[in-house]
């Protein structure tokens, strides 16, 4: 009998409160891939669907636990990198592909004016990625940037071939530095809700001051520019 001790990757197939892939709204996303026999092809198809099916928007954030459930994120049309990571991890598990979250701190080098204005920094943290177990190895993939956004930022669309890691593009099409990884927080079996909230709160104290007492906020709302003296 196959158990957790004989196959340690079984835990990365389990449904959880956050990774609730048994819910109909998540099942409807993965239904088209269930008949594909190749794990690699299933993973590629899912990656493309999550990458382009939900527009990347880093400016909406929530401290509400229920909004980190895959079934909630599936009802949206956009999300930040953590949203899309949660959704892809849940969907992958629903397709029998062991999957887990991976978090890091990244630095953006292109189009940073708006990010600095809204976050008070050109560093984004925590940034979400996905680890997939395919052909006896873990692969890192980042479905955050949809195709339209890549074109707008003049960077090549990030592809995934099911064989190699697929992380953020380091340079744009003209050779300028685009994205840089600063710190690796490691991987997580389930959504580390408390860590995510603590990391965000400690990294962006000026945002927390502005939206004090609110559990959901939109950084695109009009408000004074952040400054070191605020």
C-alpha atoms as a PDB file:
ATOM      1  CA  UNK A   1       0.000   0.000   0.000  1.00  0.00           C
ATOM      2  CA  UNK A   2       1.269   3.468  -0.926  1.00  0.00           C
ATOM      3  CA  UNK A   3       1.472   5.673   2.158  1.00  0.00           C
ATOM      4  CA  UNK A   4       2.933   9.046   3.048  1.00  0.00           C
ATOM      5  CA  UNK A   5       6.070   7.308   4.279  1.00  0.00           C
ATOM      6  CA  UNK A   6       6.601   5.424   1.015  1.00  0.00           C
ATOM      7  CA  UNK A   7       5.655   8.390  -1.175  1.00  0.00           C
ATOM      8  CA  UNK A   8       6.346  11.740   0.540  1.00  0.00           C
ATOM      9  CA  UNK A   9       4.821  13.631  -2.381  1.00  0.00           C
ATOM     10  CA  UNK A  10       1.296  12.435  -1.563  1.00  0.00           C
ATOM     11  CA  UNK A  11       0.852  15.336   0.864  1.00  0.00           C
ATOM     12  CA  UNK A  12       1.223  17.687  -2.078  1.00  0.00           C
ATOM     13  CA  UNK A  13      -1.921  16.219  -3.614  1.00  0.00           C
ATOM     14  CA  UNK A  14      -4.211  16.898  -0.661  1.00  0.00           C
ATOM     15  CA  UNK A  15      -7.061  19.369  -0.674  1.00  0.00           C
ATOM     16  CA  UNK A  16      -7.064  21.927   2.160  1.00  0.00           C
ATOM     17  CA  UNK A  17      -9.186  24.859   3.319  1.00  0.00           C
ATOM     18  CA  UNK A  18      -7.272  27.093   0.898  1.00  0.00           C
ATOM     19  CA  UNK A  19      -6.490  24.566  -1.832  1.00  0.00           C
ATOM     20  CA  UNK A  20     -10.110  23.431  -2.162  1.00  0.00           C
ATOM     21  CA  UNK A  21      -9.930  21.893  -5.618  1.00  0.00           C
ATOM     22  CA  UNK A  22     -12.945  19.671  -4.961  1.00  0.00           C
ATOM     23  CA  UNK A  23     -15.206  22.727  -5.292  1.00  0.00           C
ATOM     24  CA  UNK A  24     -17.201  22.858  -8.567  1.00  0.00           C
ATOM     25  CA  UNK A  25     -15.792  26.240  -9.599  1.00  0.00           C
ATOM     26  CA  UNK A  26     -12.242  24.843  -9.485  1.00  0.00           C
ATOM     27  CA  UNK A  27     -13.267  21.564 -11.096  1.00  0.00           C
ATOM     28  CA  UNK A  28     -14.701  23.534 -14.011  1.00  0.00           C
ATOM     29  CA  UNK A  29     -11.242  25.025 -14.631  1.00  0.00           C
ATOM     30  CA  UNK A  30      -9.426  21.698 -14.774  1.00  0.00           C
ATOM     31  CA  UNK A  31     -12.104  19.609 -16.477  1.00  0.00           C
ATOM     32  CA  UNK A  32     -10.638  20.107 -19.957  1.00  0.00           C
ATOM     33  CA  UNK A  33      -7.260  18.680 -18.869  1.00  0.00           C
ATOM     34  CA  UNK A  34      -8.456  15.522 -17.122  1.00  0.00           C
ATOM     35  CA  UNK A  35      -8.450  13.403 -20.276  1.00  0.00           C
ATOM     36  CA  UNK A  36      -4.828  14.278 -21.103  1.00  0.00           C
ATOM     37  CA  UNK A  37      -2.661  11.292 -20.160  1.00  0.00           C
ATOM     38  CA  UNK A  38       0.702  13.065 -20.143  1.00  0.00           C
ATOM     39  CA  UNK A  39       1.401  14.768 -16.823  1.00  0.00           C
ATOM     40  CA  UNK A  40       3.699  17.184 -18.607  1.00  0.00           C
ATOM     41  CA  UNK A  41       1.049  18.208 -21.137  1.00  0.00           C
ATOM     42  CA  UNK A  42      -1.545  18.563 -18.380  1.00  0.00           C
ATOM     43  CA  UNK A  43       0.814  20.886 -16.506  1.00  0.00           C
ATOM     44  CA  UNK A  44       1.590  22.984 -19.596  1.00  0.00           C
ATOM     45  CA  UNK A  45      -2.087  23.415 -20.440  1.00  0.00           C
ATOM     46  CA  UNK A  46      -2.921  24.407 -16.886  1.00  0.00           C
ATOM     47  CA  UNK A  47      -0.018  26.857 -16.716  1.00  0.00           C
ATOM     48  CA  UNK A  48      -1.186  28.664 -19.847  1.00  0.00           C
ATOM     49  CA  UNK A  49      -4.753  28.822 -18.601  1.00  0.00           C
ATOM     50  CA  UNK A  50      -3.797  30.344 -15.246  1.00  0.00           C
ATOM     51  CA  UNK A  51      -1.197  32.673 -16.778  1.00  0.00           C
ATOM     52  CA  UNK A  52      -3.544  34.223 -19.324  1.00  0.00           C
ATOM     53  CA  UNK A  53      -6.965  33.550 -17.812  1.00  0.00           C
ATOM     54  CA  UNK A  54      -6.434  35.869 -14.832  1.00  0.00           C
ATOM     55  CA  UNK A  55      -4.942  39.297 -15.484  1.00  0.00           C
ATOM     56  CA  UNK A  56      -2.054  40.228 -13.183  1.00  0.00           C
ATOM     57  CA  UNK A  57      -2.915  43.026 -10.757  1.00  0.00           C
ATOM     58  CA  UNK A  58      -0.610  43.568  -7.749  1.00  0.00           C
ATOM     59  CA  UNK A  59      -2.550  46.530  -6.361  1.00  0.00           C
ATOM     60  CA  UNK A  60      -5.455  44.740  -4.682  1.00  0.00           C
ATOM     61  CA  UNK A  61      -4.665  43.026  -1.389  1.00  0.00           C
ATOM     62  CA  UNK A  62      -6.710  41.398   1.342  1.00  0.00           C
ATOM     63  CA  UNK A  63      -6.227  40.237   4.913  1.00  0.00           C
ATOM     64  CA  UNK A  64      -9.423  38.170   4.703  1.00  0.00           C
ATOM     65  CA  UNK A  65      -8.645  34.478   5.036  1.00  0.00           C
ATOM     66  CA  UNK A  66     -11.519  33.330   2.838  1.00  0.00           C
ATOM     67  CA  UNK A  67     -10.188  35.357  -0.091  1.00  0.00           C
ATOM     68  CA  UNK A  68      -7.104  33.144  -0.237  1.00  0.00           C
ATOM     69  CA  UNK A  69      -9.176  30.080  -1.106  1.00  0.00           C
ATOM     70  CA  UNK A  70      -8.769  28.757  -4.633  1.00  0.00           C
ATOM     71  CA  UNK A  71     -12.545  28.584  -5.030  1.00  0.00           C
ATOM     72  CA  UNK A  72     -12.820  32.325  -4.358  1.00  0.00           C
ATOM     73  CA  UNK A  73      -9.910  33.280  -6.606  1.00  0.00           C
ATOM     74  CA  UNK A  74     -11.434  31.177  -9.397  1.00  0.00           C
ATOM     75  CA  UNK A  75     -14.440  33.511  -9.501  1.00  0.00           C
ATOM     76  CA  UNK A  76     -12.258  36.559 -10.215  1.00  0.00           C
ATOM     77  CA  UNK A  77     -10.878  37.807 -13.534  1.00  0.00           C
ATOM     78  CA  UNK A  78      -7.588  39.135 -12.133  1.00  0.00           C
ATOM     79  CA  UNK A  79      -5.235  38.644  -9.215  1.00  0.00           C
ATOM     80  CA  UNK A  80      -1.768  39.220  -7.849  1.00  0.00           C
ATOM     81  CA  UNK A  81       0.979  36.605  -7.984  1.00  0.00           C
ATOM     82  CA  UNK A  82      -0.124  34.905  -4.745  1.00  0.00           C
ATOM     83  CA  UNK A  83      -3.707  34.591  -6.004  1.00  0.00           C
ATOM     84  CA  UNK A  84      -2.553  32.959  -9.226  1.00  0.00           C
ATOM     85  CA  UNK A  85      -0.108  30.725  -7.364  1.00  0.00           C
ATOM     86  CA  UNK A  86      -2.819  29.447  -5.024  1.00  0.00           C
ATOM     87  CA  UNK A  87      -5.153  28.774  -7.918  1.00  0.00           C
ATOM     88  CA  UNK A  88      -2.543  26.900  -9.930  1.00  0.00           C
ATOM     89  CA  UNK A  89      -1.384  24.802  -6.963  1.00  0.00           C
ATOM     90  CA  UNK A  90      -4.985  23.788  -6.215  1.00  0.00           C
ATOM     91  CA  UNK A  91      -5.733  23.008  -9.860  1.00  0.00           C
ATOM     92  CA  UNK A  92      -2.532  20.992 -10.266  1.00  0.00           C
ATOM     93  CA  UNK A  93      -3.383  18.891  -7.217  1.00  0.00           C
ATOM     94  CA  UNK A  94      -6.859  18.379  -8.636  1.00  0.00           C
ATOM     95  CA  UNK A  95      -5.206  16.972 -11.764  1.00  0.00           C
ATOM     96  CA  UNK A  96      -3.039  14.581  -9.749  1.00  0.00           C
ATOM     97  CA  UNK A  97       0.140  16.669 -10.074  1.00  0.00           C
ATOM     98  CA  UNK A  98       1.952  17.203  -6.744  1.00  0.00           C
ATOM     99  CA  UNK A  99       2.219  20.956  -6.225  1.00  0.00           C
ATOM    100  CA  UNK A 100       3.208  23.433  -3.534  1.00  0.00           C
ATOM    101  CA  UNK A 101       3.650  27.192  -3.037  1.00  0.00           C
ATOM    102  CA  UNK A 102       7.025  28.899  -3.185  1.00  0.00           C
ATOM    103  CA  UNK A 103       7.540  32.462  -1.933  1.00  0.00           C
ATOM    104  CA  UNK A 104      10.285  35.019  -2.476  1.00  0.00           C
ATOM    105  CA  UNK A 105      11.114  38.721  -2.518  1.00  0.00           C
ATOM    106  CA  UNK A 106      11.648  40.256  -5.951  1.00  0.00           C
ATOM    107  CA  UNK A 107      12.730  43.606  -7.330  1.00  0.00           C
ATOM    108  CA  UNK A 108      11.193  45.193 -10.384  1.00  0.00           C
ATOM    109  CA  UNK A 109      13.376  47.317 -12.707  1.00  0.00           C
ATOM    110  CA  UNK A 110      10.941  48.339 -15.452  1.00  0.00           C
ATOM    111  CA  UNK A 111       7.837  50.476 -15.065  1.00  0.00           C
ATOM    112  CA  UNK A 112       8.698  50.935 -11.405  1.00  0.00           C
ATOM    113  CA  UNK A 113       7.371  54.488 -11.010  1.00  0.00           C
ATOM    114  CA  UNK A 114       3.832  53.349 -10.270  1.00  0.00           C
ATOM    115  CA  UNK A 115       4.983  50.521  -8.030  1.00  0.00           C
ATOM    116  CA  UNK A 116       7.153  52.875  -5.980  1.00  0.00           C
ATOM    117  CA  UNK A 117       4.304  55.377  -5.787  1.00  0.00           C
ATOM    118  CA  UNK A 118       1.855  52.797  -4.457  1.00  0.00           C
ATOM    119  CA  UNK A 119       4.139  50.506  -2.424  1.00  0.00           C
ATOM    120  CA  UNK A 120       6.827  52.971  -1.388  1.00  0.00           C
ATOM    121  CA  UNK A 121       9.407  50.544  -2.765  1.00  0.00           C
ATOM    122  CA  UNK A 122      10.464  48.790  -5.955  1.00  0.00           C
ATOM    123  CA  UNK A 123      10.545  45.490  -4.044  1.00  0.00           C
ATOM    124  CA  UNK A 124       7.535  43.177  -4.111  1.00  0.00           C
ATOM    125  CA  UNK A 125       7.079  40.705  -1.287  1.00  0.00           C
ATOM    126  CA  UNK A 126       5.970  38.081  -0.830  1.00  0.00           C
ATOM    127  CA  UNK A 127       6.006  37.014  -4.473  1.00  0.00           C
ATOM    128  CA  UNK A 128       4.287  33.718  -5.243  1.00  0.00           C
ATOM    129  CA  UNK A 129       5.504  30.904  -7.465  1.00  0.00           C
ATOM    130  CA  UNK A 130       4.507  27.286  -8.009  1.00  0.00           C
ATOM    131  CA  UNK A 131       6.540  24.097  -7.542  1.00  0.00           C
ATOM    132  CA  UNK A 132       5.358  21.136  -9.645  1.00  0.00           C
ATOM    133  CA  UNK A 133       6.589  17.533  -9.279  1.00  0.00           C
ATOM    134  CA  UNK A 134       7.031  16.263 -12.833  1.00  0.00           C
ATOM    135  CA  UNK A 135       9.204  13.344 -13.974  1.00  0.00           C
ATOM    136  CA  UNK A 136      10.760  12.863 -10.522  1.00  0.00           C
ATOM    137  CA  UNK A 137      11.879  16.454 -10.017  1.00  0.00           C
ATOM    138  CA  UNK A 138      10.513  19.734  -8.700  1.00  0.00           C
ATOM    139  CA  UNK A 139      10.085  22.500 -11.260  1.00  0.00           C
ATOM    140  CA  UNK A 140       9.550  26.178 -10.427  1.00  0.00           C
ATOM    141  CA  UNK A 141       7.003  28.039 -12.530  1.00  0.00           C
ATOM    142  CA  UNK A 142       5.601  31.567 -12.338  1.00  0.00           C
ATOM    143  CA  UNK A 143       2.180  32.077 -13.963  1.00  0.00           C
ATOM    144  CA  UNK A 144       1.871  35.660 -12.713  1.00  0.00           C
ATOM    145  CA  UNK A 145       2.410  37.752 -15.858  1.00  0.00           C
ATOM    146  CA  UNK A 146      -0.308  37.319 -18.498  1.00  0.00           C
ATOM    147  CA  UNK A 147       0.603  37.592 -22.158  1.00  0.00           C
ATOM    148  CA  UNK A 148      -0.881  41.069 -22.646  1.00  0.00           C
ATOM    149  CA  UNK A 149       1.099  42.493 -19.736  1.00  0.00           C
ATOM    150  CA  UNK A 150       4.351  41.013 -21.082  1.00  0.00           C
ATOM    151  CA  UNK A 151       3.759  42.716 -24.413  1.00  0.00           C
ATOM    152  CA  UNK A 152       3.044  45.995 -22.638  1.00  0.00           C
ATOM    153  CA  UNK A 153       6.286  45.703 -20.642  1.00  0.00           C
ATOM    154  CA  UNK A 154       8.280  44.733 -23.753  1.00  0.00           C
ATOM    155  CA  UNK A 155       9.351  41.374 -22.351  1.00  0.00           C
ATOM    156  CA  UNK A 156       9.032  37.949 -23.895  1.00  0.00           C
ATOM    157  CA  UNK A 157       6.029  35.961 -22.719  1.00  0.00           C
ATOM    158  CA  UNK A 158       7.150  33.441 -20.121  1.00  0.00           C
ATOM    159  CA  UNK A 159       6.659  29.922 -21.469  1.00  0.00           C
ATOM    160  CA  UNK A 160       6.748  26.555 -19.679  1.00  0.00           C
ATOM    161  CA  UNK A 161       7.786  23.332 -21.426  1.00  0.00           C
ATOM    162  CA  UNK A 162       7.183  20.939 -18.536  1.00  0.00           C
ATOM    163  CA  UNK A 163      10.882  20.075 -18.348  1.00  0.00           C
ATOM    164  CA  UNK A 164      12.705  23.168 -17.020  1.00  0.00           C
ATOM    165  CA  UNK A 165      12.075  25.912 -14.482  1.00  0.00           C
ATOM    166  CA  UNK A 166      10.077  28.863 -15.820  1.00  0.00           C
ATOM    167  CA  UNK A 167      10.673  31.951 -13.679  1.00  0.00           C
ATOM    168  CA  UNK A 168      10.422  35.668 -14.279  1.00  0.00           C
ATOM    169  CA  UNK A 169      12.274  37.112 -17.236  1.00  0.00           C
ATOM    170  CA  UNK A 170      15.542  38.659 -16.087  1.00  0.00           C
ATOM    171  CA  UNK A 171      15.774  41.085 -19.027  1.00  0.00           C
ATOM    172  CA  UNK A 172      13.382  42.796 -21.407  1.00  0.00           C
ATOM    173  CA  UNK A 173      13.621  42.503 -25.209  1.00  0.00           C
ATOM    174  CA  UNK A 174      16.220  45.286 -25.331  1.00  0.00           C
ATOM    175  CA  UNK A 175      18.489  43.707 -22.733  1.00  0.00           C
ATOM    176  CA  UNK A 176      17.512  45.935 -19.819  1.00  0.00           C
ATOM    177  CA  UNK A 177      17.264  44.371 -16.376  1.00  0.00           C
ATOM    178  CA  UNK A 178      13.611  43.527 -15.751  1.00  0.00           C
ATOM    179  CA  UNK A 179      13.173  41.341 -12.670  1.00  0.00           C
ATOM    180  CA  UNK A 180      15.557  40.322  -9.900  1.00  0.00           C
ATOM    181  CA  UNK A 181      15.115  37.786  -7.109  1.00  0.00           C
ATOM    182  CA  UNK A 182      16.362  39.136  -3.781  1.00  0.00           C
ATOM    183  CA  UNK A 183      15.373  36.572  -1.166  1.00  0.00           C
ATOM    184  CA  UNK A 184      13.982  33.044  -1.219  1.00  0.00           C
ATOM    185  CA  UNK A 185      11.468  32.238   1.529  1.00  0.00           C
ATOM    186  CA  UNK A 186      11.217  28.589   0.539  1.00  0.00           C
ATOM    187  CA  UNK A 187       8.291  26.307  -0.228  1.00  0.00           C
ATOM    188  CA  UNK A 188       5.104  25.595   1.695  1.00  0.00           C
ATOM    189  CA  UNK A 189       2.820  22.572   1.822  1.00  0.00           C
ATOM    190  CA  UNK A 190      -0.245  24.772   2.267  1.00  0.00           C
ATOM    191  CA  UNK A 191      -0.980  28.479   1.928  1.00  0.00           C
ATOM    192  CA  UNK A 192       1.048  30.152   4.723  1.00  0.00           C
ATOM    193  CA  UNK A 193      -1.598  32.785   5.421  1.00  0.00           C
ATOM    194  CA  UNK A 194      -0.053  34.118   8.643  1.00  0.00           C
ATOM    195  CA  UNK A 195       3.403  34.391   7.049  1.00  0.00           C
ATOM    196  CA  UNK A 196       2.015  36.243   4.026  1.00  0.00           C
ATOM    197  CA  UNK A 197       0.179  38.796   6.145  1.00  0.00           C
ATOM    198  CA  UNK A 198       3.119  39.297   8.524  1.00  0.00           C
ATOM    199  CA  UNK A 199       5.579  39.681   5.643  1.00  0.00           C
ATOM    200  CA  UNK A 200       3.392  42.239   3.856  1.00  0.00           C
ATOM    201  CA  UNK A 201       2.691  44.185   7.044  1.00  0.00           C
ATOM    202  CA  UNK A 202       6.357  44.431   8.008  1.00  0.00           C
ATOM    203  CA  UNK A 203       7.492  45.272   4.470  1.00  0.00           C
ATOM    204  CA  UNK A 204       5.001  48.084   3.796  1.00  0.00           C
ATOM    205  CA  UNK A 205       4.402  50.011   7.038  1.00  0.00           C
ATOM    206  CA  UNK A 206       3.267  53.135   5.170  1.00  0.00           C
ATOM    207  CA  UNK A 207       0.549  51.190   3.390  1.00  0.00           C
ATOM    208  CA  UNK A 208      -0.582  49.751   6.706  1.00  0.00           C
ATOM    209  CA  UNK A 209      -0.746  53.261   8.174  1.00  0.00           C
ATOM    210  CA  UNK A 210      -2.836  54.499   5.266  1.00  0.00           C
ATOM    211  CA  UNK A 211      -5.285  51.580   5.352  1.00  0.00           C
ATOM    212  CA  UNK A 212      -5.299  51.074   9.114  1.00  0.00           C
ATOM    213  CA  UNK A 213      -8.239  48.982  10.278  1.00  0.00           C
ATOM    214  CA  UNK A 214      -9.151  47.690   6.817  1.00  0.00           C
ATOM    215  CA  UNK A 215      -8.934  44.059   5.764  1.00  0.00           C
ATOM    216  CA  UNK A 216      -9.228  44.756   2.039  1.00  0.00           C
ATOM    217  CA  UNK A 217      -7.619  47.584   0.138  1.00  0.00           C
ATOM    218  CA  UNK A 218      -6.987  48.830  -3.373  1.00  0.00           C
ATOM    219  CA  UNK A 219      -3.721  50.697  -3.784  1.00  0.00           C
ATOM    220  CA  UNK A 220      -5.073  52.389  -6.905  1.00  0.00           C
ATOM    221  CA  UNK A 221      -7.443  54.446  -4.783  1.00  0.00           C
ATOM    222  CA  UNK A 222      -6.390  58.132  -4.774  1.00  0.00           C
ATOM    223  CA  UNK A 223      -4.113  58.935  -1.858  1.00  0.00           C
ATOM    224  CA  UNK A 224      -0.981  61.031  -1.258  1.00  0.00           C
ATOM    225  CA  UNK A 225       2.319  59.736  -2.589  1.00  0.00           C
ATOM    226  CA  UNK A 226       4.376  57.740  -0.108  1.00  0.00           C
ATOM    227  CA  UNK A 227       7.470  59.399   1.239  1.00  0.00           C
ATOM    228  CA  UNK A 228      10.135  58.511   3.749  1.00  0.00           C
ATOM    229  CA  UNK A 229       8.809  61.183   6.144  1.00  0.00           C
ATOM    230  CA  UNK A 230       5.224  59.851   6.197  1.00  0.00           C
END
